[in-house]
PDB file of N, CA and C in Angstrom:
ATOM      1  N   UNK A   1     -17.224   4.165 -34.790  1.00  0.00           N
ATOM      2  CA  UNK A   1     -15.789   4.119 -34.912  1.00  0.00           C
ATOM      3  C   UNK A   1     -15.176   4.059 -33.511  1.00  0.00           C
ATOM      4  N   UNK A   2     -14.141   3.285 -33.350  1.00  0.00           N
ATOM      5  CA  UNK A   2     -13.485   3.130 -32.060  1.00  0.00           C
ATOM      6  C   UNK A   2     -12.576   4.314 -31.775  1.00  0.00           C
ATOM      7  N   UNK A   3     -12.564   4.695 -30.498  1.00  0.00           N
ATOM      8  CA  UNK A   3     -11.680   5.769 -30.082  1.00  0.00           C
ATOM      9  C   UNK A   3     -10.298   5.189 -29.814  1.00  0.00           C
ATOM     10  N   UNK A   4      -9.247   5.975 -30.012  1.00  0.00           N
ATOM     11  CA  UNK A   4      -7.891   5.460 -29.751  1.00  0.00           C
ATOM     12  C   UNK A   4      -7.702   5.192 -28.256  1.00  0.00           C
ATOM     13  N   UNK A   5      -6.891   4.208 -27.936  1.00  0.00           N
ATOM     14  CA  UNK A   5      -6.594   3.884 -26.558  1.00  0.00           C
ATOM     15  C   UNK A   5      -5.684   4.950 -25.974  1.00  0.00           C
ATOM     16  N   UNK A   6      -5.915   5.284 -24.723  1.00  0.00           N
ATOM     17  CA  UNK A   6      -5.055   6.237 -24.038  1.00  0.00           C
ATOM     18  C   UNK A   6      -4.214   5.479 -23.024  1.00  0.00           C
ATOM     19  N   UNK A   7      -2.992   5.936 -22.787  1.00  0.00           N
ATOM     20  CA  UNK A   7      -2.151   5.241 -21.812  1.00  0.00           C
ATOM     21  C   UNK A   7      -2.766   5.352 -20.412  1.00  0.00           C
ATOM     22  N   UNK A   8      -2.592   4.302 -19.617  1.00  0.00           N
ATOM     23  CA  UNK A   8      -3.114   4.348 -18.261  1.00  0.00           C
ATOM     24  C   UNK A   8      -2.087   4.961 -17.335  1.00  0.00           C
ATOM     25  N   UNK A   9      -2.580   5.608 -16.290  1.00  0.00           N
ATOM     26  CA  UNK A   9      -1.680   6.274 -15.343  1.00  0.00           C
ATOM     27  C   UNK A   9      -0.955   5.236 -14.493  1.00  0.00           C
ATOM     28  N   UNK A  10       0.086   5.689 -13.825  1.00  0.00           N
ATOM     29  CA  UNK A  10       0.880   4.815 -12.949  1.00  0.00           C
ATOM     30  C   UNK A  10      -0.001   4.265 -11.831  1.00  0.00           C
ATOM     31  N   UNK A  11      -0.862   5.103 -11.272  1.00  0.00           N
ATOM     32  CA  UNK A  11      -1.758   4.669 -10.194  1.00  0.00           C
ATOM     33  C   UNK A  11      -2.735   3.616 -10.705  1.00  0.00           C
ATOM     34  N   UNK A  12      -3.278   3.805 -11.893  1.00  0.00           N
ATOM     35  CA  UNK A  12      -4.197   2.829 -12.477  1.00  0.00           C
ATOM     36  C   UNK A  12      -3.476   1.527 -12.773  1.00  0.00           C
ATOM     37  N   UNK A  13      -2.258   1.630 -13.224  1.00  0.00           N
ATOM     38  CA  UNK A  13      -1.464   0.437 -13.522  1.00  0.00           C
ATOM     39  C   UNK A  13      -1.210  -0.351 -12.242  1.00  0.00           C
ATOM     40  N   UNK A  14      -0.885   0.350 -11.138  1.00  0.00           N
ATOM     41  CA  UNK A  14      -0.653  -0.323  -9.857  1.00  0.00           C
ATOM     42  C   UNK A  14      -1.927  -0.992  -9.373  1.00  0.00           C
ATOM     43  N   UNK A  15      -3.057  -0.313  -9.519  1.00  0.00           N
ATOM     44  CA  UNK A  15      -4.326  -0.900  -9.087  1.00  0.00           C
ATOM     45  C   UNK A  15      -4.644  -2.140  -9.907  1.00  0.00           C
ATOM     46  N   UNK A  16      -4.409  -2.074 -11.209  1.00  0.00           N
ATOM     47  CA  UNK A  16      -4.654  -3.229 -12.071  1.00  0.00           C
ATOM     48  C   UNK A  16      -3.753  -4.388 -11.686  1.00  0.00           C
ATOM     49  N   UNK A  17      -2.479  -4.104 -11.421  1.00  0.00           N
ATOM     50  CA  UNK A  17      -1.557  -5.154 -10.995  1.00  0.00           C
ATOM     51  C   UNK A  17      -1.986  -5.755  -9.660  1.00  0.00           C
ATOM     52  N   UNK A  18      -2.485  -4.919  -8.762  1.00  0.00           N
ATOM     53  CA  UNK A  18      -2.957  -5.425  -7.475  1.00  0.00           C
ATOM     54  C   UNK A  18      -4.134  -6.369  -7.660  1.00  0.00           C
ATOM     55  N   UNK A  19      -5.049  -6.024  -8.537  1.00  0.00           N
ATOM     56  CA  UNK A  19      -6.214  -6.867  -8.784  1.00  0.00           C
ATOM     57  C   UNK A  19      -5.791  -8.182  -9.423  1.00  0.00           C
ATOM     58  N   UNK A  20      -4.923  -8.109 -10.403  1.00  0.00           N
ATOM     59  CA  UNK A  20      -4.443  -9.322 -11.066  1.00  0.00           C
ATOM     60  C   UNK A  20      -3.684 -10.199 -10.079  1.00  0.00           C
ATOM     61  N   UNK A  21      -2.830  -9.582  -9.276  1.00  0.00           N
ATOM     62  CA  UNK A  21      -2.072 -10.330  -8.276  1.00  0.00           C
ATOM     63  C   UNK A  21      -2.980 -10.984  -7.253  1.00  0.00           C
ATOM     64  N   UNK A  22      -4.002 -10.251  -6.819  1.00  0.00           N
ATOM     65  CA  UNK A  22      -4.938 -10.814  -5.853  1.00  0.00           C
ATOM     66  C   UNK A  22      -5.712 -11.977  -6.448  1.00  0.00           C
ATOM     67  N   UNK A  23      -6.144 -11.834  -7.685  1.00  0.00           N
ATOM     68  CA  UNK A  23      -6.869 -12.916  -8.344  1.00  0.00           C
ATOM     69  C   UNK A  23      -5.993 -14.145  -8.501  1.00  0.00           C
ATOM     70  N   UNK A  24      -4.755 -13.932  -8.869  1.00  0.00           N
ATOM     71  CA  UNK A  24      -3.816 -15.050  -9.007  1.00  0.00           C
ATOM     72  C   UNK A  24      -3.580 -15.722  -7.649  1.00  0.00           C
ATOM     73  N   UNK A  25      -3.401 -14.907  -6.627  1.00  0.00           N
ATOM     74  CA  UNK A  25      -3.168 -15.462  -5.289  1.00  0.00           C
ATOM     75  C   UNK A  25      -4.371 -16.263  -4.808  1.00  0.00           C
ATOM     76  N   UNK A  26      -5.564 -15.763  -5.056  1.00  0.00           N
ATOM     77  CA  UNK A  26      -6.770 -16.470  -4.635  1.00  0.00           C
ATOM     78  C   UNK A  26      -6.936 -17.795  -5.358  1.00  0.00           C
ATOM     79  N   UNK A  27      -6.522 -17.846  -6.594  1.00  0.00           N
ATOM     80  CA  UNK A  27      -6.722 -19.054  -7.374  1.00  0.00           C
ATOM     81  C   UNK A  27      -5.673 -20.120  -7.111  1.00  0.00           C
ATOM     82  N   UNK A  28      -4.556 -19.766  -6.488  1.00  0.00           N
ATOM     83  CA  UNK A  28      -3.474 -20.737  -6.328  1.00  0.00           C
ATOM     84  C   UNK A  28      -3.125 -21.083  -4.889  1.00  0.00           C
ATOM     85  N   UNK A  29      -3.653 -20.357  -3.899  1.00  0.00           N
ATOM     86  CA  UNK A  29      -3.254 -20.600  -2.516  1.00  0.00           C
ATOM     87  C   UNK A  29      -4.450 -20.584  -1.588  1.00  0.00           C
ATOM     88  N   UNK A  30      -4.178 -20.813  -0.302  1.00  0.00           N
ATOM     89  CA  UNK A  30      -5.214 -20.750   0.712  1.00  0.00           C
ATOM     90  C   UNK A  30      -5.620 -19.321   1.003  1.00  0.00           C
ATOM     91  N   UNK A  31      -6.658 -19.184   1.789  1.00  0.00           N
ATOM     92  CA  UNK A  31      -7.242 -17.858   2.044  1.00  0.00           C
ATOM     93  C   UNK A  31      -6.318 -16.911   2.808  1.00  0.00           C
ATOM     94  N   UNK A  32      -5.634 -17.408   3.843  1.00  0.00           N
ATOM     95  CA  UNK A  32      -4.784 -16.519   4.642  1.00  0.00           C
ATOM     96  C   UNK A  32      -3.732 -15.839   3.804  1.00  0.00           C
ATOM     97  N   UNK A  33      -3.084 -16.596   2.981  1.00  0.00           N
ATOM     98  CA  UNK A  33      -2.045 -16.053   2.114  1.00  0.00           C
ATOM     99  C   UNK A  33      -2.644 -15.051   1.129  1.00  0.00           C
ATOM    100  N   UNK A  34      -3.793 -15.368   0.573  1.00  0.00           N
ATOM    101  CA  UNK A  34      -4.422 -14.486  -0.410  1.00  0.00           C
ATOM    102  C   UNK A  34      -4.859 -13.173   0.213  1.00  0.00           C
ATOM    103  N   UNK A  35      -5.467 -13.258   1.383  1.00  0.00           N
ATOM    104  CA  UNK A  35      -5.916 -12.040   2.063  1.00  0.00           C
ATOM    105  C   UNK A  35      -4.710 -11.176   2.416  1.00  0.00           C
ATOM    106  N   UNK A  36      -3.647 -11.823   2.904  1.00  0.00           N
ATOM    107  CA  UNK A  36      -2.435 -11.082   3.217  1.00  0.00           C
ATOM    108  C   UNK A  36      -1.873 -10.396   1.969  1.00  0.00           C
ATOM    109  N   UNK A  37      -1.831 -11.132   0.866  1.00  0.00           N
ATOM    110  CA  UNK A  37      -1.262 -10.583  -0.368  1.00  0.00           C
ATOM    111  C   UNK A  37      -2.014  -9.329  -0.812  1.00  0.00           C
ATOM    112  N   UNK A  38      -3.319  -9.380  -0.721  1.00  0.00           N
ATOM    113  CA  UNK A  38      -4.139  -8.226  -1.109  1.00  0.00           C
ATOM    114  C   UNK A  38      -3.857  -7.045  -0.177  1.00  0.00           C
ATOM    115  N   UNK A  39      -3.879  -7.316   1.130  1.00  0.00           N
ATOM    116  CA  UNK A  39      -3.688  -6.250   2.116  1.00  0.00           C
ATOM    117  C   UNK A  39      -2.274  -5.669   2.028  1.00  0.00           C
ATOM    118  N   UNK A  40      -1.284  -6.537   1.897  1.00  0.00           N
ATOM    119  CA  UNK A  40       0.106  -6.064   1.832  1.00  0.00           C
ATOM    120  C   UNK A  40       0.351  -5.259   0.573  1.00  0.00           C
ATOM    121  N   UNK A  41      -0.233  -5.667  -0.530  1.00  0.00           N
ATOM    122  CA  UNK A  41      -0.059  -4.941  -1.791  1.00  0.00           C
ATOM    123  C   UNK A  41      -0.663  -3.541  -1.674  1.00  0.00           C
ATOM    124  N   UNK A  42      -1.836  -3.470  -1.083  1.00  0.00           N
ATOM    125  CA  UNK A  42      -2.483  -2.182  -0.893  1.00  0.00           C
ATOM    126  C   UNK A  42      -1.650  -1.294   0.028  1.00  0.00           C
ATOM    127  N   UNK A  43      -1.183  -1.861   1.139  1.00  0.00           N
ATOM    128  CA  UNK A  43      -0.360  -1.091   2.074  1.00  0.00           C
ATOM    129  C   UNK A  43       0.934  -0.641   1.416  1.00  0.00           C
ATOM    130  N   UNK A  44       1.546  -1.521   0.650  1.00  0.00           N
ATOM    131  CA  UNK A  44       2.798  -1.183  -0.037  1.00  0.00           C
ATOM    132  C   UNK A  44       2.601  -0.012  -0.998  1.00  0.00           C
ATOM    133  N   UNK A  45       1.504  -0.018  -1.723  1.00  0.00           N
ATOM    134  CA  UNK A  45       1.206   1.090  -2.642  1.00  0.00           C
ATOM    135  C   UNK A  45       1.042   2.398  -1.879  1.00  0.00           C
ATOM    136  N   UNK A  46       0.380   2.341  -0.719  1.00  0.00           N
ATOM    137  CA  UNK A  46       0.162   3.555   0.080  1.00  0.00           C
ATOM    138  C   UNK A  46       1.490   4.070   0.654  1.00  0.00           C
ATOM    139  N   UNK A  47       2.324   3.154   1.142  1.00  0.00           N
ATOM    140  CA  UNK A  47       3.634   3.570   1.679  1.00  0.00           C
ATOM    141  C   UNK A  47       4.474   4.196   0.567  1.00  0.00           C
ATOM    142  N   UNK A  48       4.424   3.610  -0.612  1.00  0.00           N
ATOM    143  CA  UNK A  48       5.159   4.166  -1.751  1.00  0.00           C
ATOM    144  C   UNK A  48       4.636   5.562  -2.110  1.00  0.00           C
ATOM    145  N   UNK A  49       3.329   5.725  -2.112  1.00  0.00           N
ATOM    146  CA  UNK A  49       2.746   7.033  -2.415  1.00  0.00           C
ATOM    147  C   UNK A  49       3.164   8.058  -1.368  1.00  0.00           C
ATOM    148  N   UNK A  50       3.140   7.666  -0.093  1.00  0.00           N
ATOM    149  CA  UNK A  50       3.559   8.571   0.976  1.00  0.00           C
ATOM    150  C   UNK A  50       5.016   8.988   0.780  1.00  0.00           C
ATOM    151  N   UNK A  51       5.856   8.030   0.416  1.00  0.00           N
ATOM    152  CA  UNK A  51       7.274   8.333   0.168  1.00  0.00           C
ATOM    153  C   UNK A  51       7.427   9.329  -0.975  1.00  0.00           C
ATOM    154  N   UNK A  52       6.686   9.098  -2.058  1.00  0.00           N
ATOM    155  CA  UNK A  52       6.773   9.981  -3.237  1.00  0.00           C
ATOM    156  C   UNK A  52       6.335  11.409  -2.905  1.00  0.00           C
ATOM    157  N   UNK A  53       5.432  11.553  -1.935  1.00  0.00           N
ATOM    158  CA  UNK A  53       4.965  12.880  -1.536  1.00  0.00           C
ATOM    159  C   UNK A  53       5.905  13.568  -0.552  1.00  0.00           C
ATOM    160  N   UNK A  54       6.881  12.823  -0.031  1.00  0.00           N
ATOM    161  CA  UNK A  54       7.811  13.395   0.929  1.00  0.00           C
ATOM    162  C   UNK A  54       7.374  13.251   2.376  1.00  0.00           C
ATOM    163  N   UNK A  55       6.598  12.217   2.665  1.00  0.00           N
ATOM    164  CA  UNK A  55       6.056  12.034   4.010  1.00  0.00           C
ATOM    165  C   UNK A  55       7.125  11.760   5.049  1.00  0.00           C
ATOM    166  N   UNK A  56       8.281  11.226   4.644  1.00  0.00           N
ATOM    167  CA  UNK A  56       9.322  10.951   5.641  1.00  0.00           C
ATOM    168  C   UNK A  56       9.807  12.230   6.303  1.00  0.00           C
ATOM    169  N   UNK A  57       9.605  13.377   5.653  1.00  0.00           N
ATOM    170  CA  UNK A  57       9.984  14.663   6.252  1.00  0.00           C
ATOM    171  C   UNK A  57       8.779  15.401   6.826  1.00  0.00           C
ATOM    172  N   UNK A  58       7.620  15.274   6.180  1.00  0.00           N
ATOM    173  CA  UNK A  58       6.454  16.059   6.584  1.00  0.00           C
ATOM    174  C   UNK A  58       5.509  15.332   7.536  1.00  0.00           C
ATOM    175  N   UNK A  59       5.580  14.016   7.571  1.00  0.00           N
ATOM    176  CA  UNK A  59       4.769  13.211   8.502  1.00  0.00           C
ATOM    177  C   UNK A  59       5.601  11.995   8.907  1.00  0.00           C
ATOM    178  N   UNK A  60       6.753  12.246   9.542  1.00  0.00           N
ATOM    179  CA  UNK A  60       7.692  11.151   9.790  1.00  0.00           C
ATOM    180  C   UNK A  60       7.155  10.041  10.690  1.00  0.00           C
ATOM    181  N   UNK A  61       6.441  10.384  11.734  1.00  0.00           N
ATOM    182  CA  UNK A  61       5.931   9.347  12.636  1.00  0.00           C
ATOM    183  C   UNK A  61       5.022   8.393  11.878  1.00  0.00           C
ATOM    184  N   UNK A  62       4.056   8.945  11.168  1.00  0.00           N
ATOM    185  CA  UNK A  62       3.094   8.130  10.446  1.00  0.00           C
ATOM    186  C   UNK A  62       3.764   7.328   9.330  1.00  0.00           C
ATOM    187  N   UNK A  63       4.699   7.961   8.625  1.00  0.00           N
ATOM    188  CA  UNK A  63       5.375   7.276   7.526  1.00  0.00           C
ATOM    189  C   UNK A  63       6.195   6.093   8.027  1.00  0.00           C
ATOM    190  N   UNK A  64       7.037   6.336   9.025  1.00  0.00           N
ATOM    191  CA  UNK A  64       7.904   5.254   9.501  1.00  0.00           C
ATOM    192  C   UNK A  64       7.118   4.177  10.245  1.00  0.00           C
ATOM    193  N   UNK A  65       6.035   4.563  10.901  1.00  0.00           N
ATOM    194  CA  UNK A  65       5.158   3.570  11.531  1.00  0.00           C
ATOM    195  C   UNK A  65       4.596   2.650  10.456  1.00  0.00           C
ATOM    196  N   UNK A  66       4.118   3.218   9.371  1.00  0.00           N
ATOM    197  CA  UNK A  66       3.568   2.427   8.258  1.00  0.00           C
ATOM    198  C   UNK A  66       4.642   1.548   7.639  1.00  0.00           C
ATOM    199  N   UNK A  67       5.805   2.115   7.409  1.00  0.00           N
ATOM    200  CA  UNK A  67       6.894   1.371   6.766  1.00  0.00           C
ATOM    201  C   UNK A  67       7.343   0.192   7.623  1.00  0.00           C
ATOM    202  N   UNK A  68       7.552   0.424   8.908  1.00  0.00           N
ATOM    203  CA  UNK A  68       8.009  -0.638   9.807  1.00  0.00           C
ATOM    204  C   UNK A  68       6.957  -1.727   9.978  1.00  0.00           C
ATOM    205  N   UNK A  69       5.695  -1.326  10.045  1.00  0.00           N
ATOM    206  CA  UNK A  69       4.631  -2.336  10.167  1.00  0.00           C
ATOM    207  C   UNK A  69       4.518  -3.185   8.894  1.00  0.00           C
ATOM    208  N   UNK A  70       4.742  -2.580   7.757  1.00  0.00           N
ATOM    209  CA  UNK A  70       4.725  -3.349   6.512  1.00  0.00           C
ATOM    210  C   UNK A  70       5.883  -4.349   6.498  1.00  0.00           C
ATOM    211  N   UNK A  71       7.046  -3.919   6.916  1.00  0.00           N
ATOM    212  CA  UNK A  71       8.199  -4.829   6.961  1.00  0.00           C
ATOM    213  C   UNK A  71       7.953  -5.971   7.938  1.00  0.00           C
ATOM    214  N   UNK A  72       7.363  -5.674   9.102  1.00  0.00           N
ATOM    215  CA  UNK A  72       7.056  -6.722  10.076  1.00  0.00           C
ATOM    216  C   UNK A  72       5.985  -7.658   9.517  1.00  0.00           C
ATOM    217  N   UNK A  73       5.022  -7.129   8.782  1.00  0.00           N
ATOM    218  CA  UNK A  73       3.994  -7.970   8.149  1.00  0.00           C
ATOM    219  C   UNK A  73       4.643  -8.952   7.181  1.00  0.00           C
ATOM    220  N   UNK A  74       5.626  -8.492   6.452  1.00  0.00           N
ATOM    221  CA  UNK A  74       6.324  -9.363   5.509  1.00  0.00           C
ATOM    222  C   UNK A  74       7.082 -10.467   6.242  1.00  0.00           C
ATOM    223  N   UNK A  75       7.670 -10.134   7.385  1.00  0.00           N
ATOM    224  CA  UNK A  75       8.362 -11.145   8.186  1.00  0.00           C
ATOM    225  C   UNK A  75       7.374 -12.194   8.701  1.00  0.00           C
ATOM    226  N   UNK A  76       6.234 -11.743   9.195  1.00  0.00           N
ATOM    227  CA  UNK A  76       5.223 -12.673   9.717  1.00  0.00           C
ATOM    228  C   UNK A  76       4.685 -13.570   8.605  1.00  0.00           C
ATOM    229  N   UNK A  77       4.478 -13.007   7.443  1.00  0.00           N
ATOM    230  CA  UNK A  77       3.982 -13.803   6.316  1.00  0.00           C
ATOM    231  C   UNK A  77       5.025 -14.835   5.898  1.00  0.00           C
ATOM    232  N   UNK A  78       6.293 -14.495   5.977  1.00  0.00           N
ATOM    233  CA  UNK A  78       7.348 -15.440   5.626  1.00  0.00           C
ATOM    234  C   UNK A  78       7.345 -16.640   6.568  1.00  0.00           C
ATOM    235  N   UNK A  79       6.841 -16.423   7.777  1.00  0.00           N
ATOM    236  CA  UNK A  79       6.737 -17.509   8.754  1.00  0.00           C
ATOM    237  C   UNK A  79       5.348 -18.139   8.733  1.00  0.00           C
ATOM    238  N   UNK A  80       4.537 -17.800   7.736  1.00  0.00           N
ATOM    239  CA  UNK A  80       3.165 -18.310   7.557  1.00  0.00           C
ATOM    240  C   UNK A  80       2.239 -17.937   8.705  1.00  0.00           C
ATOM    241  N   UNK A  81       2.521 -16.834   9.378  1.00  0.00           N
ATOM    242  CA  UNK A  81       1.629 -16.326  10.420  1.00  0.00           C
ATOM    243  C   UNK A  81       0.761 -15.232   9.794  1.00  0.00           C
ATOM    244  N   UNK A  82      -0.195 -15.679   8.991  1.00  0.00           N
ATOM    245  CA  UNK A  82      -0.953 -14.746   8.161  1.00  0.00           C
ATOM    246  C   UNK A  82      -1.898 -13.853   8.952  1.00  0.00           C
ATOM    247  N   UNK A  83      -2.405 -14.328  10.066  1.00  0.00           N
ATOM    248  CA  UNK A  83      -3.301 -13.496  10.860  1.00  0.00           C
ATOM    249  C   UNK A  83      -2.579 -12.242  11.344  1.00  0.00           C
ATOM    250  N   UNK A  84      -1.393 -12.421  11.936  1.00  0.00           N
ATOM    251  CA  UNK A  84      -0.614 -11.261  12.380  1.00  0.00           C
ATOM    252  C   UNK A  84      -0.150 -10.422  11.191  1.00  0.00           C
ATOM    253  N   UNK A  85       0.224 -11.073  10.123  1.00  0.00           N
ATOM    254  CA  UNK A  85       0.682 -10.358   8.928  1.00  0.00           C
ATOM    255  C   UNK A  85      -0.423  -9.455   8.382  1.00  0.00           C
ATOM    256  N   UNK A  86      -1.639  -9.974   8.338  1.00  0.00           N
ATOM    257  CA  UNK A  86      -2.779  -9.183   7.843  1.00  0.00           C
ATOM    258  C   UNK A  86      -3.016  -7.985   8.746  1.00  0.00           C
ATOM    259  N   UNK A  87      -3.013  -8.211  10.066  1.00  0.00           N
ATOM    260  CA  UNK A  87      -3.240  -7.107  11.010  1.00  0.00           C
ATOM    261  C   UNK A  87      -2.152  -6.034  10.886  1.00  0.00           C
ATOM    262  N   UNK A  88      -0.910  -6.455  10.745  1.00  0.00           N
ATOM    263  CA  UNK A  88       0.186  -5.505  10.592  1.00  0.00           C
ATOM    264  C   UNK A  88       0.077  -4.738   9.271  1.00  0.00           C
ATOM    265  N   UNK A  89      -0.309  -5.418   8.204  1.00  0.00           N
ATOM    266  CA  UNK A  89      -0.469  -4.754   6.905  1.00  0.00           C
ATOM    267  C   UNK A  89      -1.617  -3.745   6.955  1.00  0.00           C
ATOM    268  N   UNK A  90      -2.688  -4.095   7.672  1.00  0.00           N
ATOM    269  CA  UNK A  90      -3.805  -3.154   7.827  1.00  0.00           C
ATOM    270  C   UNK A  90      -3.362  -1.901   8.577  1.00  0.00           C
ATOM    271  N   UNK A  91      -2.602  -2.089   9.655  1.00  0.00           N
ATOM    272  CA  UNK A  91      -2.083  -0.943  10.416  1.00  0.00           C
ATOM    273  C   UNK A  91      -1.162  -0.102   9.536  1.00  0.00           C
ATOM    274  N   UNK A  92      -0.340  -0.765   8.740  1.00  0.00           N
ATOM    275  CA  UNK A  92       0.552  -0.064   7.825  1.00  0.00           C
ATOM    276  C   UNK A  92      -0.234   0.811   6.855  1.00  0.00           C
ATOM    277  N   UNK A  93      -1.273   0.242   6.269  1.00  0.00           N
ATOM    278  CA  UNK A  93      -2.069   1.007   5.319  1.00  0.00           C
ATOM    279  C   UNK A  93      -2.755   2.199   6.000  1.00  0.00           C
ATOM    280  N   UNK A  94      -3.276   1.980   7.194  1.00  0.00           N
ATOM    281  CA  UNK A  94      -3.948   3.056   7.935  1.00  0.00           C
ATOM    282  C   UNK A  94      -2.989   4.221   8.190  1.00  0.00           C
ATOM    283  N   UNK A  95      -1.777   3.912   8.650  1.00  0.00           N
ATOM    284  CA  UNK A  95      -0.822   4.977   8.935  1.00  0.00           C
ATOM    285  C   UNK A  95      -0.239   5.600   7.666  1.00  0.00           C
ATOM    286  N   UNK A  96      -0.121   4.821   6.615  1.00  0.00           N
ATOM    287  CA  UNK A  96       0.322   5.398   5.347  1.00  0.00           C
ATOM    288  C   UNK A  96      -0.736   6.389   4.837  1.00  0.00           C
ATOM    289  N   UNK A  97      -2.012   6.045   5.003  1.00  0.00           N
ATOM    290  CA  UNK A  97      -3.080   6.984   4.633  1.00  0.00           C
ATOM    291  C   UNK A  97      -2.972   8.280   5.436  1.00  0.00           C
ATOM    292  N   UNK A  98      -2.697   8.138   6.742  1.00  0.00           N
ATOM    293  CA  UNK A  98      -2.537   9.332   7.580  1.00  0.00           C
ATOM    294  C   UNK A  98      -1.342  10.159   7.111  1.00  0.00           C
ATOM    295  N   UNK A  99      -0.241   9.485   6.791  1.00  0.00           N
ATOM    296  CA  UNK A  99       0.947  10.189   6.315  1.00  0.00           C
ATOM    297  C   UNK A  99       0.652  10.933   5.015  1.00  0.00           C
ATOM    298  N   UNK A 100      -0.082  10.288   4.120  1.00  0.00           N
ATOM    299  CA  UNK A 100      -0.450  10.928   2.850  1.00  0.00           C
ATOM    300  C   UNK A 100      -1.300  12.168   3.112  1.00  0.00           C
ATOM    301  N   UNK A 101      -2.305  12.015   3.973  1.00  0.00           N
ATOM    302  CA  UNK A 101      -3.201  13.140   4.276  1.00  0.00           C
ATOM    303  C   UNK A 101      -2.422  14.300   4.893  1.00  0.00           C
ATOM    304  N   UNK A 102      -1.582  14.005   5.892  1.00  0.00           N
ATOM    305  CA  UNK A 102      -0.815  15.058   6.552  1.00  0.00           C
ATOM    306  C   UNK A 102       0.173  15.722   5.594  1.00  0.00           C
ATOM    307  N   UNK A 103       0.778  14.952   4.736  1.00  0.00           N
ATOM    308  CA  UNK A 103       1.731  15.502   3.776  1.00  0.00           C
ATOM    309  C   UNK A 103       1.027  16.407   2.772  1.00  0.00           C
ATOM    310  N   UNK A 104      -0.116  15.973   2.289  1.00  0.00           N
ATOM    311  CA  UNK A 104      -0.872  16.824   1.361  1.00  0.00           C
ATOM    312  C   UNK A 104      -1.304  18.112   2.039  1.00  0.00           C
ATOM    313  N   UNK A 105      -1.718  18.021   3.303  1.00  0.00           N
ATOM    314  CA  UNK A 105      -2.095  19.228   4.041  1.00  0.00           C
ATOM    315  C   UNK A 105      -0.895  20.161   4.208  1.00  0.00           C
ATOM    316  N   UNK A 106       0.269  19.597   4.470  1.00  0.00           N
ATOM    317  CA  UNK A 106       1.474  20.409   4.611  1.00  0.00           C
ATOM    318  C   UNK A 106       1.837  21.085   3.286  1.00  0.00           C
ATOM    319  N   UNK A 107       1.667  20.359   2.193  1.00  0.00           N
ATOM    320  CA  UNK A 107       1.932  20.960   0.873  1.00  0.00           C
ATOM    321  C   UNK A 107       0.963  22.116   0.597  1.00  0.00           C
ATOM    322  N   UNK A 108      -0.311  21.895   0.934  1.00  0.00           N
ATOM    323  CA  UNK A 108      -1.298  22.978   0.724  1.00  0.00           C
ATOM    324  C   UNK A 108      -0.975  24.180   1.602  1.00  0.00           C
ATOM    325  N   UNK A 109      -0.566  23.921   2.836  1.00  0.00           N
ATOM    326  CA  UNK A 109      -0.215  25.011   3.742  1.00  0.00           C
ATOM    327  C   UNK A 109       1.008  25.782   3.282  1.00  0.00           C
ATOM    328  N   UNK A 110       1.880  25.115   2.554  1.00  0.00           N
ATOM    329  CA  UNK A 110       3.100  25.775   2.053  1.00  0.00           C
ATOM    330  C   UNK A 110       2.847  26.433   0.696  1.00  0.00           C
ATOM    331  N   UNK A 111       1.628  26.276   0.170  1.00  0.00           N
ATOM    332  CA  UNK A 111       1.304  26.905  -1.102  1.00  0.00           C
ATOM    333  C   UNK A 111       1.824  26.154  -2.308  1.00  0.00           C
ATOM    334  N   UNK A 112       2.046  24.852  -2.170  1.00  0.00           N
ATOM    335  CA  UNK A 112       2.550  24.054  -3.307  1.00  0.00           C
ATOM    336  C   UNK A 112       1.425  23.565  -4.163  1.00  0.00           C
TER     337      UNK A 112
END
């Protein structure tokens, strides 16, 4: 007998959308654009997660560094400079990860 389906979490839904988006991008465009799309989507999800955790107050340097680099990556991609866009999106994701880690540590230190 089949088990009932359970709703997927918001994080799982975002990951699924990222995979579908990446697959679509790979099938319809050149490699630079596709690689950028994957990297930017991942970075965007991390920046969003950092924001939801309150990183703009608890890890402001890392959060705003990630946010600004993501915005600059989007500008570079709009000009079809995918190499720079990819590098900026990677930096954004790295700093968003740091912001998430620092924010979680701050929450644990505050007893949340």
